[in-house]
């Protein structure tokens, strides 16, 4: 089953028998892109893979890394936007002198 890209089991009684259904299916099928009409996004894949490697502790560690990276990316983008605005102000000041 490693080549399955989409799986629809919604309403199937077997779903109730699988603990943490979505996470465990995501772990078991690394190429899966859609599960029950919902895409599997990068974040969900990372968390499931981390859980599969080391349980809750590994998942929490990866979740913190992800959050830290997202925060750093937002900060870097904001700093870049401020720099561009400052450069624009300087160019306008020169143009009006």
Protein backbone atom coordinates (compact mmCIF):
# COMPACT_ATOMS: atom_id res chain seq x y z
CA UNK A 1 0.00 0.00 0.00
CA UNK A 2 2.92 2.46 -0.10
CA UNK A 3 1.79 3.94 -3.43
CA UNK A 4 -1.75 4.90 -2.37
CA UNK A 5 -2.21 8.69 -2.61
CA UNK A 6 -5.80 9.03 -1.39
CA UNK A 7 -7.82 6.89 0.99
CA UNK A 8 -11.48 7.24 1.94
CA UNK A 9 -12.63 5.24 4.95
CA UNK A 10 -15.17 7.68 6.37
CA UNK A 11 -18.12 5.74 7.76
CA UNK A 12 -16.26 2.43 7.69
CA UNK A 13 -16.56 0.59 11.03
CA UNK A 14 -12.86 -0.32 10.95
CA UNK A 15 -12.01 3.32 11.72
CA UNK A 16 -13.35 2.91 15.27
CA UNK A 17 -10.94 0.03 15.86
CA UNK A 18 -7.81 2.05 15.01
CA UNK A 19 -6.59 4.21 17.88
CA UNK A 20 -5.49 7.67 16.75
CA UNK A 21 -6.79 6.71 13.33
CA UNK A 22 -5.59 9.66 11.25
CA UNK A 23 -2.14 9.77 12.82
CA UNK A 24 -1.55 6.02 12.49
CA UNK A 25 -2.76 5.86 8.89
CA UNK A 26 -0.49 8.81 8.05
CA UNK A 27 2.47 7.00 9.63
CA UNK A 28 1.71 3.74 7.83
CA UNK A 29 1.26 5.35 4.39
CA UNK A 30 4.09 7.83 3.73
CA UNK A 31 2.87 8.79 0.23
CA UNK A 32 -0.73 9.44 1.29
CA UNK A 33 -1.89 12.97 0.36
CA UNK A 34 -5.62 12.78 1.19
CA UNK A 35 -7.41 10.94 3.96
CA UNK A 36 -11.20 11.09 4.15
CA UNK A 37 -11.64 14.18 1.96
CA UNK A 38 -8.98 16.16 3.85
CA UNK A 39 -5.45 16.79 2.66
CA UNK A 40 -2.51 15.74 4.80
CA UNK A 41 -0.48 18.90 5.16
CA UNK A 42 3.25 19.08 5.86
CA UNK A 43 2.71 19.93 9.55
CA UNK A 44 0.42 16.94 10.10
CA UNK A 45 2.89 14.64 8.33
CA UNK A 46 5.79 15.93 10.46
CA UNK A 47 3.86 15.42 13.69
CA UNK A 48 2.73 11.92 12.72
CA UNK A 49 6.24 10.89 11.66
CA UNK A 50 7.69 12.27 14.91
CA UNK A 51 5.08 10.37 16.92
CA UNK A 52 5.95 7.20 15.01
CA UNK A 53 9.65 7.65 15.78
CA UNK A 54 9.48 8.54 19.46
CA UNK A 55 5.96 8.87 20.77
CA UNK A 56 4.51 11.95 22.46
CA UNK A 57 7.90 13.27 23.59
CA UNK A 58 9.30 13.33 20.05
CA UNK A 59 6.08 14.83 18.71
CA UNK A 60 6.25 17.64 21.28
CA UNK A 61 9.91 18.30 20.45
CA UNK A 62 9.17 18.52 16.72
CA UNK A 63 6.09 20.69 17.42
CA UNK A 64 8.28 23.14 19.37
CA UNK A 65 10.91 23.17 16.59
CA UNK A 66 8.17 23.86 14.03
CA UNK A 67 6.72 26.70 16.11
CA UNK A 68 10.18 28.21 16.66
CA UNK A 69 10.90 28.03 12.92
CA UNK A 70 7.54 29.64 12.06
CA UNK A 71 8.21 32.41 14.57
CA UNK A 72 11.71 33.01 13.18
CA UNK A 73 10.34 33.10 9.61
CA UNK A 74 7.67 35.65 10.56
CA UNK A 75 10.22 37.78 12.39
CA UNK A 76 12.61 37.69 9.41
CA UNK A 77 9.77 38.62 7.01
CA UNK A 78 8.71 41.51 9.24
CA UNK A 79 12.28 42.79 9.49
CA UNK A 80 12.60 42.60 5.70
CA UNK A 81 9.33 44.51 5.23
CA UNK A 82 10.47 47.23 7.65
CA UNK A 83 13.78 47.49 5.79
CA UNK A 84 11.98 47.86 2.45
CA UNK A 85 9.69 50.55 3.90
CA UNK A 86 12.68 52.46 5.30
CA UNK A 87 14.49 52.26 1.95
CA UNK A 88 11.35 53.56 0.23
CA UNK A 89 11.11 56.47 2.67
CA UNK A 90 14.74 57.36 2.04
CA UNK A 91 14.23 57.26 -1.75
CA UNK A 92 11.14 59.49 -1.48
CA UNK A 93 13.00 61.98 0.72
CA UNK A 94 15.81 62.18 -1.84
CA UNK A 95 13.34 62.57 -4.70
CA UNK A 96 11.57 65.50 -3.02
CA UNK A 97 14.77 67.39 -2.09
